[in-house]
Amino acid sequence: MNTQVTDDVRAAVKSFQLPAFQAIPDVGLFLDQTVRYINEYLYPLPDDALLTPSMITNYVKQGLIPKPEKKRYHRSQIALLICIALSKPFLSLRHIARLRKSIMESGDAGNAYEFFREELTHAMDHVFGTSQAPVPQIDALDGTKSLVSSVTMMIAYKIFINLYCQALERDDPDGHTKGTGDTGKTAQP
């Protein structure tokens, strides 16, 4: 990997961090405020991870998140929406609902969100090489933990691929591969 590209990717990943559960606003955000707040944390992911107001409305209708109180979304709903937004490029809404149910059986929204956030941090550390801690084997975890661990690894790899490709595009905006002898021309017989 090109040193400049590597440095760009590492710098970008350092800025990616989900808020702690207690740092998420609990004053009640309106729908548009909720969308803006969540999307700010999704920077390293491509646009398919971003939320829209209509998506959130559909998630409420489908029972993925509780209905807003007086049109306002609170901490536990916002935390759940962050997890949904990060997971939706990889899982169907049906699978997200099942994962949510499994996680919520083991605790409250704050503990569930913090578990997801910690697993994502571990996955990011593993993928970006900032930790030497071993990745737990699937059979060493219970079902729910295995699922969360697997989903967060997919998210971390998606972030890595997206950041790496963005850095390559900045390095060579025309998309030419440098140093390979490829001129972009096809050989003539």
N, C-alpha and C. Protein backbone atom coordinates (compact mmCIF):
# COMPACT_ATOMS: atom_id res chain seq x y z
N MET A 1 0.85 -1.17 0.00
CA MET A 1 0.00 0.00 0.00
C MET A 1 0.90 1.23 0.00
N ASN A 2 0.62 2.19 -0.86
CA ASN A 2 1.31 3.45 -0.95
C ASN A 2 1.34 4.13 0.43
N THR A 3 2.48 4.68 0.82
CA THR A 3 2.64 5.28 2.14
C THR A 3 1.69 6.45 2.35
N GLN A 4 1.52 7.29 1.33
CA GLN A 4 0.62 8.43 1.46
C GLN A 4 -0.83 7.95 1.62
N VAL A 5 -1.20 6.94 0.85
CA VAL A 5 -2.56 6.39 0.96
C VAL A 5 -2.76 5.81 2.35
N THR A 6 -1.77 5.07 2.84
CA THR A 6 -1.84 4.48 4.18
C THR A 6 -2.01 5.57 5.23
N ASP A 7 -1.23 6.63 5.13
CA ASP A 7 -1.33 7.74 6.08
C ASP A 7 -2.70 8.41 6.01
N ASP A 8 -3.22 8.60 4.80
CA ASP A 8 -4.55 9.20 4.63
C ASP A 8 -5.63 8.34 5.28
N VAL A 9 -5.54 7.02 5.07
CA VAL A 9 -6.53 6.11 5.63
C VAL A 9 -6.44 6.12 7.16
N ARG A 10 -5.24 6.05 7.70
CA ARG A 10 -5.07 6.06 9.16
C ARG A 10 -5.57 7.36 9.77
N ALA A 11 -5.31 8.47 9.12
CA ALA A 11 -5.78 9.77 9.63
C ALA A 11 -7.30 9.82 9.63
N ALA A 12 -7.91 9.32 8.57
CA ALA A 12 -9.38 9.35 8.48
C ALA A 12 -10.02 8.44 9.52
N VAL A 13 -9.42 7.28 9.75
CA VAL A 13 -10.01 6.34 10.70
C VAL A 13 -9.89 6.84 12.14
N LYS A 14 -8.88 7.62 12.42
CA LYS A 14 -8.73 8.18 13.76
C LYS A 14 -9.90 9.09 14.11
N SER A 15 -10.48 9.71 13.09
CA SER A 15 -11.59 10.63 13.34
C SER A 15 -12.93 9.91 13.49
N PHE A 16 -12.96 8.61 13.16
CA PHE A 16 -14.21 7.86 13.26
C PHE A 16 -14.37 7.28 14.65
N GLN A 17 -15.39 7.74 15.33
CA GLN A 17 -15.71 7.21 16.64
C GLN A 17 -17.17 7.48 16.93
N LEU A 18 -17.88 6.43 17.28
CA LEU A 18 -19.28 6.60 17.64
C LEU A 18 -19.37 7.25 19.01
N PRO A 19 -20.42 8.03 19.23
CA PRO A 19 -20.56 8.66 20.54
C PRO A 19 -20.91 7.62 21.60
N ALA A 20 -20.46 7.85 22.82
CA ALA A 20 -20.88 7.00 23.94
C ALA A 20 -22.38 7.19 24.14
N PHE A 21 -23.03 6.20 24.69
CA PHE A 21 -24.48 6.27 24.87
C PHE A 21 -24.88 7.53 25.64
N GLN A 22 -24.17 7.83 26.71
CA GLN A 22 -24.52 9.00 27.53
C GLN A 22 -24.26 10.32 26.81
N ALA A 23 -23.44 10.29 25.76
CA ALA A 23 -23.15 11.52 25.00
C ALA A 23 -24.21 11.80 23.93
N ILE A 24 -25.04 10.83 23.64
CA ILE A 24 -26.11 11.03 22.66
C ILE A 24 -27.17 11.92 23.29
N PRO A 25 -27.65 12.93 22.56
CA PRO A 25 -28.64 13.84 23.15
C PRO A 25 -29.91 13.11 23.57
N ASP A 26 -30.43 13.50 24.71
CA ASP A 26 -31.68 12.93 25.20
C ASP A 26 -32.74 14.01 25.38
N VAL A 27 -32.51 15.16 24.76
CA VAL A 27 -33.46 16.27 24.88
C VAL A 27 -34.64 16.12 23.94
N GLY A 28 -34.51 15.21 22.98
CA GLY A 28 -35.57 15.01 22.01
C GLY A 28 -35.29 15.82 20.76
N LEU A 29 -34.80 15.13 19.73
CA LEU A 29 -34.50 15.80 18.47
C LEU A 29 -35.63 15.54 17.47
N PHE A 30 -35.96 16.55 16.69
CA PHE A 30 -36.93 16.35 15.63
C PHE A 30 -36.31 15.47 14.54
N LEU A 31 -37.11 14.99 13.64
CA LEU A 31 -36.68 14.03 12.63
C LEU A 31 -35.47 14.54 11.84
N ASP A 32 -35.53 15.74 11.30
CA ASP A 32 -34.41 16.26 10.51
C ASP A 32 -33.15 16.44 11.36
N GLN A 33 -33.31 16.84 12.61
CA GLN A 33 -32.16 16.98 13.50
C GLN A 33 -31.54 15.61 13.78
N THR A 34 -32.39 14.61 13.95
CA THR A 34 -31.93 13.25 14.20
C THR A 34 -31.12 12.74 13.02
N VAL A 35 -31.64 12.96 11.82
CA VAL A 35 -30.94 12.52 10.60
C VAL A 35 -29.57 13.18 10.51
N ARG A 36 -29.51 14.50 10.71
CA ARG A 36 -28.23 15.21 10.64
C ARG A 36 -27.25 14.71 11.70
N TYR A 37 -27.74 14.54 12.92
CA TYR A 37 -26.88 14.09 14.01
C TYR A 37 -26.26 12.73 13.69
N ILE A 38 -27.08 11.78 13.26
CA ILE A 38 -26.58 10.43 12.98
C ILE A 38 -25.64 10.43 11.78
N ASN A 39 -26.03 11.10 10.71
CA ASN A 39 -25.21 11.07 9.49
C ASN A 39 -23.82 11.69 9.69
N GLU A 40 -23.69 12.59 10.66
CA GLU A 40 -22.37 13.15 10.96
C GLU A 40 -21.40 12.06 11.44
N TYR A 41 -21.92 11.03 12.08
CA TYR A 41 -21.08 9.96 12.60
C TYR A 41 -20.80 8.87 11.58
N LEU A 42 -21.44 8.95 10.43
CA LEU A 42 -21.29 7.90 9.42
C LEU A 42 -20.31 8.28 8.32
N TYR A 43 -19.49 9.31 8.54
CA TYR A 43 -18.60 9.83 7.50
C TYR A 43 -17.85 8.78 6.69
N PRO A 44 -17.13 7.86 7.30
CA PRO A 44 -16.28 7.02 6.45
C PRO A 44 -17.05 6.01 5.60
N LEU A 45 -18.33 5.91 5.81
CA LEU A 45 -19.12 4.97 5.01
C LEU A 45 -19.68 5.67 3.78
N PRO A 46 -19.93 4.92 2.73
CA PRO A 46 -20.51 5.53 1.53
C PRO A 46 -21.96 5.95 1.77
N ASP A 47 -22.50 6.64 0.79
CA ASP A 47 -23.84 7.20 0.92
C ASP A 47 -24.91 6.17 1.21
N ASP A 48 -24.70 4.90 0.87
CA ASP A 48 -25.74 3.90 1.12
C ASP A 48 -25.95 3.65 2.61
N ALA A 49 -25.06 4.13 3.45
CA ALA A 49 -25.24 3.97 4.90
C ALA A 49 -25.99 5.16 5.51
N LEU A 50 -26.06 6.28 4.80
CA LEU A 50 -26.70 7.46 5.35
C LEU A 50 -28.20 7.25 5.51
N LEU A 51 -28.75 7.92 6.51
CA LEU A 51 -30.19 7.84 6.76
C LEU A 51 -30.91 9.02 6.13
N THR A 52 -32.16 8.80 5.81
CA THR A 52 -33.04 9.86 5.35
C THR A 52 -34.26 9.89 6.26
N PRO A 53 -34.99 11.00 6.27
CA PRO A 53 -36.20 11.05 7.10
C PRO A 53 -37.20 9.94 6.74
N SER A 54 -37.34 9.65 5.46
CA SER A 54 -38.31 8.62 5.07
C SER A 54 -37.88 7.24 5.57
N MET A 55 -36.57 6.96 5.61
CA MET A 55 -36.10 5.69 6.15
C MET A 55 -36.50 5.55 7.61
N ILE A 56 -36.26 6.60 8.38
CA ILE A 56 -36.58 6.54 9.81
C ILE A 56 -38.08 6.35 10.00
N THR A 57 -38.87 7.06 9.22
CA THR A 57 -40.32 6.90 9.30
C THR A 57 -40.72 5.46 9.00
N ASN A 58 -40.09 4.85 8.00
CA ASN A 58 -40.38 3.45 7.69
C ASN A 58 -39.93 2.52 8.81
N TYR A 59 -38.80 2.80 9.44
CA TYR A 59 -38.34 1.97 10.55
C TYR A 59 -39.33 2.01 11.72
N VAL A 60 -39.92 3.19 11.94
CA VAL A 60 -40.94 3.31 12.99
C VAL A 60 -42.17 2.49 12.60
N LYS A 61 -42.62 2.63 11.35
CA LYS A 61 -43.80 1.88 10.89
C LYS A 61 -43.59 0.37 10.97
N GLN A 62 -42.37 -0.08 10.70
CA GLN A 62 -42.06 -1.51 10.73
C GLN A 62 -41.76 -2.01 12.14
N GLY A 63 -41.73 -1.13 13.12
CA GLY A 63 -41.49 -1.53 14.49
C GLY A 63 -40.02 -1.75 14.83
N LEU A 64 -39.10 -1.29 13.97
CA LEU A 64 -37.67 -1.43 14.27
C LEU A 64 -37.25 -0.51 15.41
N ILE A 65 -37.88 0.63 15.49
CA ILE A 65 -37.62 1.56 16.59
C ILE A 65 -38.96 2.02 17.16
N PRO A 66 -38.97 2.39 18.44
CA PRO A 66 -40.21 2.90 19.03
C PRO A 66 -40.63 4.22 18.39
N LYS A 67 -41.92 4.50 18.45
CA LYS A 67 -42.45 5.76 17.91
C LYS A 67 -41.85 6.93 18.68
N PRO A 68 -41.62 8.03 17.96
CA PRO A 68 -41.10 9.22 18.66
C PRO A 68 -42.17 9.77 19.61
N GLU A 69 -41.70 10.42 20.66
CA GLU A 69 -42.61 11.05 21.61
C GLU A 69 -42.78 12.51 21.21
N LYS A 70 -44.00 12.87 20.86
CA LYS A 70 -44.29 14.24 20.41
C LYS A 70 -43.35 14.65 19.28
N LYS A 71 -43.15 13.74 18.33
CA LYS A 71 -42.31 13.95 17.15
C LYS A 71 -40.83 14.14 17.47
N ARG A 72 -40.42 13.71 18.63
CA ARG A 72 -39.02 13.85 19.04
C ARG A 72 -38.40 12.49 19.33
N TYR A 73 -37.15 12.35 18.88
CA TYR A 73 -36.40 11.12 19.08
C TYR A 73 -35.42 11.31 20.22
N HIS A 74 -35.37 10.32 21.10
CA HIS A 74 -34.52 10.41 22.29
C HIS A 74 -33.34 9.45 22.19
N ARG A 75 -32.49 9.49 23.20
CA ARG A 75 -31.21 8.80 23.21
C ARG A 75 -31.30 7.34 22.76
N SER A 76 -32.18 6.56 23.34
CA SER A 76 -32.22 5.13 23.00
C SER A 76 -32.64 4.92 21.55
N GLN A 77 -33.54 5.75 21.04
CA GLN A 77 -33.94 5.64 19.63
C GLN A 77 -32.79 6.04 18.70
N ILE A 78 -32.09 7.09 19.05
CA ILE A 78 -30.97 7.56 18.24
C ILE A 78 -29.86 6.51 18.22
N ALA A 79 -29.57 5.92 19.38
CA ALA A 79 -28.55 4.87 19.45
C ALA A 79 -28.94 3.70 18.56
N LEU A 80 -30.18 3.31 18.61
CA LEU A 80 -30.65 2.21 17.78
C LEU A 80 -30.56 2.57 16.30
N LEU A 81 -30.88 3.80 15.96
CA LEU A 81 -30.78 4.24 14.56
C LEU A 81 -29.33 4.23 14.07
N ILE A 82 -28.40 4.57 14.93
CA ILE A 82 -26.98 4.51 14.55
C ILE A 82 -26.61 3.08 14.19
N CYS A 83 -27.03 2.15 15.03
CA CYS A 83 -26.73 0.73 14.78
C CYS A 83 -27.40 0.24 13.49
N ILE A 84 -28.62 0.67 13.27
CA ILE A 84 -29.34 0.28 12.04
C ILE A 84 -28.62 0.85 10.82
N ALA A 85 -28.26 2.12 10.88
CA ALA A 85 -27.60 2.76 9.73
C ALA A 85 -26.29 2.05 9.39
N LEU A 86 -25.53 1.67 10.40
CA LEU A 86 -24.26 0.98 10.15
C LEU A 86 -24.46 -0.44 9.64
N SER A 87 -25.54 -1.07 10.04
CA SER A 87 -25.80 -2.47 9.68
C SER A 87 -26.55 -2.64 8.37
N LYS A 88 -27.31 -1.64 7.96
CA LYS A 88 -28.20 -1.82 6.81
C LYS A 88 -27.51 -2.11 5.47
N PRO A 89 -26.25 -1.71 5.26
CA PRO A 89 -25.63 -2.13 4.00
C PRO A 89 -25.35 -3.64 3.94
N PHE A 90 -25.41 -4.33 5.07
CA PHE A 90 -25.04 -5.74 5.13
C PHE A 90 -26.19 -6.67 5.47
N LEU A 91 -27.17 -6.16 6.19
CA LEU A 91 -28.26 -7.01 6.67
C LEU A 91 -29.60 -6.52 6.17
N SER A 92 -30.51 -7.45 5.97
CA SER A 92 -31.88 -7.06 5.63
C SER A 92 -32.53 -6.48 6.88
N LEU A 93 -33.59 -5.73 6.71
CA LEU A 93 -34.29 -5.16 7.86
C LEU A 93 -34.83 -6.27 8.76
N ARG A 94 -35.21 -7.38 8.17
CA ARG A 94 -35.70 -8.52 8.96
C ARG A 94 -34.59 -9.04 9.86
N HIS A 95 -33.39 -9.15 9.31
CA HIS A 95 -32.27 -9.62 10.12
C HIS A 95 -31.85 -8.59 11.16
N ILE A 96 -31.94 -7.32 10.82
CA ILE A 96 -31.63 -6.26 11.79
C ILE A 96 -32.63 -6.34 12.95
N ALA A 97 -33.90 -6.56 12.63
CA ALA A 97 -34.93 -6.67 13.68
C ALA A 97 -34.64 -7.86 14.59
N ARG A 98 -34.22 -8.96 14.00
CA ARG A 98 -33.90 -10.16 14.80
C ARG A 98 -32.68 -9.92 15.69
N LEU A 99 -31.67 -9.28 15.14
CA LEU A 99 -30.47 -8.97 15.91
C LEU A 99 -30.81 -8.02 17.06
N ARG A 100 -31.62 -7.02 16.76
CA ARG A 100 -32.05 -6.06 17.79
C ARG A 100 -32.76 -6.79 18.92
N LYS A 101 -33.65 -7.69 18.57
CA LYS A 101 -34.40 -8.44 19.58
C LYS A 101 -33.45 -9.27 20.45
N SER A 102 -32.50 -9.92 19.82
CA SER A 102 -31.53 -10.74 20.57
C SER A 102 -30.70 -9.89 21.52
N ILE A 103 -30.25 -8.76 21.04
CA ILE A 103 -29.42 -7.88 21.87
C ILE A 103 -30.23 -7.32 23.03
N MET A 104 -31.45 -6.91 22.75
CA MET A 104 -32.28 -6.30 23.79
C MET A 104 -32.69 -7.30 24.86
N GLU A 105 -32.71 -8.58 24.53
CA GLU A 105 -33.02 -9.60 25.54
C GLU A 105 -31.95 -9.66 26.61
N SER A 106 -30.75 -9.25 26.26
CA SER A 106 -29.64 -9.34 27.20
C SER A 106 -29.41 -8.06 27.99
N GLY A 107 -30.24 -7.06 27.81
CA GLY A 107 -30.03 -5.83 28.59
C GLY A 107 -30.83 -4.66 28.06
N ASP A 108 -30.56 -3.50 28.63
CA ASP A 108 -31.27 -2.30 28.20
C ASP A 108 -30.60 -1.67 26.98
N ALA A 109 -31.21 -0.62 26.45
CA ALA A 109 -30.73 0.01 25.22
C ALA A 109 -29.31 0.55 25.38
N GLY A 110 -29.01 1.13 26.53
CA GLY A 110 -27.68 1.69 26.75
C GLY A 110 -26.60 0.62 26.73
N ASN A 111 -26.83 -0.49 27.43
CA ASN A 111 -25.86 -1.58 27.44
C ASN A 111 -25.72 -2.21 26.06
N ALA A 112 -26.84 -2.38 25.37
CA ALA A 112 -26.81 -2.98 24.04
C ALA A 112 -26.01 -2.10 23.07
N TYR A 113 -26.27 -0.79 23.11
CA TYR A 113 -25.55 0.13 22.23
C TYR A 113 -24.06 0.13 22.57
N GLU A 114 -23.72 0.19 23.85
CA GLU A 114 -22.31 0.20 24.25
C GLU A 114 -21.61 -1.08 23.83
N PHE A 115 -22.30 -2.21 23.90
CA PHE A 115 -21.71 -3.47 23.44
C PHE A 115 -21.41 -3.38 21.94
N PHE A 116 -22.36 -2.88 21.16
CA PHE A 116 -22.18 -2.71 19.71
C PHE A 116 -21.01 -1.77 19.45
N ARG A 117 -20.97 -0.66 20.15
CA ARG A 117 -19.92 0.35 19.96
C ARG A 117 -18.54 -0.22 20.31
N GLU A 118 -18.45 -0.97 21.40
CA GLU A 118 -17.18 -1.58 21.79
C GLU A 118 -16.74 -2.63 20.77
N GLU A 119 -17.67 -3.43 20.30
CA GLU A 119 -17.33 -4.44 19.29
C GLU A 119 -16.84 -3.77 18.00
N LEU A 120 -17.47 -2.67 17.62
CA LEU A 120 -17.03 -1.95 16.43
C LEU A 120 -15.64 -1.36 16.64
N THR A 121 -15.38 -0.85 17.82
CA THR A 121 -14.05 -0.32 18.13
C THR A 121 -13.00 -1.43 18.02
N HIS A 122 -13.30 -2.60 18.58
CA HIS A 122 -12.37 -3.74 18.48
C HIS A 122 -12.16 -4.14 17.02
N ALA A 123 -13.24 -4.18 16.26
CA ALA A 123 -13.14 -4.56 14.85
C ALA A 123 -12.30 -3.54 14.08
N MET A 124 -12.52 -2.26 14.35
CA MET A 124 -11.74 -1.21 13.68
C MET A 124 -10.27 -1.34 14.05
N ASP A 125 -9.99 -1.58 15.32
CA ASP A 125 -8.60 -1.76 15.75
C ASP A 125 -7.95 -2.93 15.02
N HIS A 126 -8.70 -4.01 14.87
CA HIS A 126 -8.17 -5.19 14.17
C HIS A 126 -7.93 -4.89 12.69
N VAL A 127 -8.93 -4.37 12.02
CA VAL A 127 -8.85 -4.13 10.57
C VAL A 127 -7.78 -3.10 10.24
N PHE A 128 -7.65 -2.07 11.05
CA PHE A 128 -6.70 -1.00 10.76
C PHE A 128 -5.35 -1.22 11.44
N GLY A 129 -5.19 -2.36 12.08
CA GLY A 129 -3.89 -2.72 12.63
C GLY A 129 -3.44 -1.89 13.81
N THR A 130 -4.37 -1.32 14.55
CA THR A 130 -3.98 -0.49 15.69
C THR A 130 -4.00 -1.28 17.00
N SER A 131 -4.34 -2.57 16.91
CA SER A 131 -4.34 -3.43 18.10
C SER A 131 -3.81 -4.80 17.73
N GLN A 132 -3.10 -5.38 18.65
CA GLN A 132 -2.59 -6.73 18.44
C GLN A 132 -3.48 -7.77 19.11
N ALA A 133 -4.58 -7.33 19.73
CA ALA A 133 -5.48 -8.25 20.42
C ALA A 133 -6.09 -9.21 19.40
N PRO A 134 -6.18 -10.48 19.76
CA PRO A 134 -6.76 -11.45 18.82
C PRO A 134 -8.25 -11.23 18.66
N VAL A 135 -8.74 -11.54 17.47
CA VAL A 135 -10.17 -11.46 17.20
C VAL A 135 -10.79 -12.74 17.75
N PRO A 136 -11.85 -12.62 18.56
CA PRO A 136 -12.46 -13.83 19.11
C PRO A 136 -13.00 -14.74 18.00
N GLN A 137 -12.83 -16.01 18.19
CA GLN A 137 -13.36 -16.98 17.23
C GLN A 137 -14.87 -17.09 17.41
N ILE A 138 -15.56 -17.30 16.32
CA ILE A 138 -17.02 -17.37 16.35
C ILE A 138 -17.51 -18.40 17.35
N ASP A 139 -16.91 -19.57 17.40
CA ASP A 139 -17.40 -20.61 18.30
C ASP A 139 -17.11 -20.30 19.77
N ALA A 140 -16.27 -19.30 20.04
CA ALA A 140 -15.96 -18.94 21.42
C ALA A 140 -16.97 -17.94 21.99
N LEU A 141 -17.88 -17.49 21.17
CA LEU A 141 -18.87 -16.50 21.59
C LEU A 141 -20.26 -17.12 21.58
N ASP A 142 -21.18 -16.50 22.32
CA ASP A 142 -22.55 -16.98 22.19
C ASP A 142 -23.15 -16.43 20.90
N GLY A 143 -24.32 -16.89 20.52
CA GLY A 143 -24.93 -16.53 19.24
C GLY A 143 -25.05 -15.04 18.99
N THR A 144 -25.58 -14.31 19.96
CA THR A 144 -25.77 -12.87 19.78
C THR A 144 -24.43 -12.16 19.66
N LYS A 145 -23.50 -12.52 20.53
CA LYS A 145 -22.18 -11.88 20.47
C LYS A 145 -21.49 -12.21 19.16
N SER A 146 -21.65 -13.42 18.68
CA SER A 146 -21.06 -13.81 17.39
C SER A 146 -21.62 -12.95 16.27
N LEU A 147 -22.92 -12.76 16.29
CA LEU A 147 -23.57 -11.97 15.26
C LEU A 147 -23.07 -10.53 15.29
N VAL A 148 -23.05 -9.93 16.46
CA VAL A 148 -22.60 -8.55 16.59
C VAL A 148 -21.15 -8.44 16.17
N SER A 149 -20.32 -9.37 16.59
CA SER A 149 -18.91 -9.36 16.23
C SER A 149 -18.75 -9.45 14.71
N SER A 150 -19.51 -10.31 14.08
CA SER A 150 -19.43 -10.47 12.62
C SER A 150 -19.89 -9.22 11.89
N VAL A 151 -21.00 -8.65 12.35
CA VAL A 151 -21.52 -7.44 11.71
C VAL A 151 -20.53 -6.29 11.85
N THR A 152 -19.95 -6.14 13.04
CA THR A 152 -19.02 -5.03 13.23
C THR A 152 -17.74 -5.23 12.43
N MET A 153 -17.32 -6.47 12.22
CA MET A 153 -16.16 -6.72 11.35
C MET A 153 -16.49 -6.32 9.92
N MET A 154 -17.70 -6.64 9.46
CA MET A 154 -18.10 -6.23 8.10
C MET A 154 -18.10 -4.70 7.98
N ILE A 155 -18.60 -4.03 8.99
CA ILE A 155 -18.63 -2.57 8.98
C ILE A 155 -17.20 -2.03 8.92
N ALA A 156 -16.32 -2.58 9.74
CA ALA A 156 -14.92 -2.11 9.76
C ALA A 156 -14.25 -2.33 8.41
N TYR A 157 -14.48 -3.49 7.79
CA TYR A 157 -13.89 -3.72 6.47
C TYR A 157 -14.49 -2.79 5.42
N LYS A 158 -15.78 -2.52 5.52
CA LYS A 158 -16.43 -1.59 4.58
C LYS A 158 -15.81 -0.20 4.74
N ILE A 159 -15.59 0.23 5.97
CA ILE A 159 -14.96 1.53 6.21
C ILE A 159 -13.55 1.54 5.62
N PHE A 160 -12.79 0.47 5.86
CA PHE A 160 -11.44 0.38 5.32
C PHE A 160 -11.45 0.48 3.80
N ILE A 161 -12.28 -0.30 3.14
CA ILE A 161 -12.33 -0.30 1.67
C ILE A 161 -12.73 1.08 1.16
N ASN A 162 -13.74 1.69 1.79
CA ASN A 162 -14.19 3.00 1.35
C ASN A 162 -13.10 4.05 1.52
N LEU A 163 -12.45 4.07 2.68
CA LEU A 163 -11.39 5.05 2.92
C LEU A 163 -10.20 4.83 1.99
N TYR A 164 -9.85 3.57 1.78
CA TYR A 164 -8.72 3.25 0.90
C TYR A 164 -9.01 3.71 -0.53
N CYS A 165 -10.20 3.42 -1.02
CA CYS A 165 -10.56 3.84 -2.38
C CYS A 165 -10.62 5.36 -2.50
N GLN A 166 -11.13 6.04 -1.47
CA GLN A 166 -11.14 7.50 -1.50
C GLN A 166 -9.72 8.05 -1.54
N ALA A 167 -8.83 7.47 -0.77
CA ALA A 167 -7.44 7.91 -0.77
C ALA A 167 -6.78 7.66 -2.13
N LEU A 168 -7.08 6.52 -2.73
CA LEU A 168 -6.54 6.24 -4.07
C LEU A 168 -7.06 7.25 -5.09
N GLU A 169 -8.33 7.60 -4.98
CA GLU A 169 -8.91 8.58 -5.91
C GLU A 169 -8.25 9.94 -5.75
N ARG A 170 -7.94 10.32 -4.51
CA ARG A 170 -7.24 11.60 -4.29
C ARG A 170 -5.83 11.53 -4.86
N ASP A 171 -5.21 10.36 -4.73
CA ASP A 171 -3.86 10.16 -5.22
C ASP A 171 -3.81 10.18 -6.75
N ASP A 172 -4.85 9.63 -7.38
CA ASP A 172 -4.92 9.55 -8.84
C ASP A 172 -6.37 9.73 -9.27
N PRO A 173 -6.85 10.97 -9.36
CA PRO A 173 -8.27 11.22 -9.65
C PRO A 173 -8.75 10.69 -11.00
N ASP A 174 -7.83 10.45 -11.95
CA ASP A 174 -8.26 9.94 -13.25
C ASP A 174 -8.43 8.43 -13.27
N GLY A 175 -8.01 7.77 -12.18
CA GLY A 175 -8.19 6.33 -12.08
C GLY A 175 -7.14 5.51 -12.80
N HIS A 176 -6.05 6.14 -13.19
CA HIS A 176 -4.98 5.40 -13.85
C HIS A 176 -4.12 4.72 -12.80
N THR A 177 -3.69 3.53 -13.07
CA THR A 177 -2.81 2.84 -12.14
C THR A 177 -1.38 3.26 -12.48
N LYS A 178 -0.72 3.86 -11.49
CA LYS A 178 0.62 4.38 -11.71
C LYS A 178 1.65 3.28 -11.50
N GLY A 179 2.66 3.28 -12.33
CA GLY A 179 3.79 2.38 -12.15
C GLY A 179 3.55 0.96 -12.62
N THR A 180 2.45 0.68 -13.29
CA THR A 180 2.19 -0.70 -13.73
C THR A 180 2.45 -0.85 -15.20
N GLY A 181 2.76 0.24 -15.88
CA GLY A 181 2.98 0.15 -17.33
C GLY A 181 1.67 0.19 -18.10
N ASP A 182 0.56 0.30 -17.42
CA ASP A 182 -0.74 0.34 -18.08
C ASP A 182 -1.00 1.75 -18.56
N THR A 183 -1.11 1.93 -19.85
CA THR A 183 -1.37 3.25 -20.41
C THR A 183 -2.84 3.48 -20.67
N GLY A 184 -3.65 2.45 -20.43
CA GLY A 184 -5.07 2.59 -20.69
C GLY A 184 -5.42 2.28 -22.14
N LYS A 185 -4.44 2.00 -22.97
CA LYS A 185 -4.68 1.72 -24.39
C LYS A 185 -4.68 0.20 -24.61
N THR A 186 -5.50 -0.24 -25.51
CA THR A 186 -5.50 -1.67 -25.84
C THR A 186 -4.49 -1.94 -26.93
N ALA A 187 -3.92 -3.12 -26.89
CA ALA A 187 -2.90 -3.48 -27.87
C ALA A 187 -3.54 -3.69 -29.23
N GLN A 188 -2.85 -3.24 -30.26
CA GLN A 188 -3.32 -3.41 -31.65
C GLN A 188 -2.61 -4.60 -32.26
N PRO A 189 -3.32 -5.44 -33.01
CA PRO A 189 -2.67 -6.59 -33.66
C PRO A 189 -1.74 -6.18 -34.74
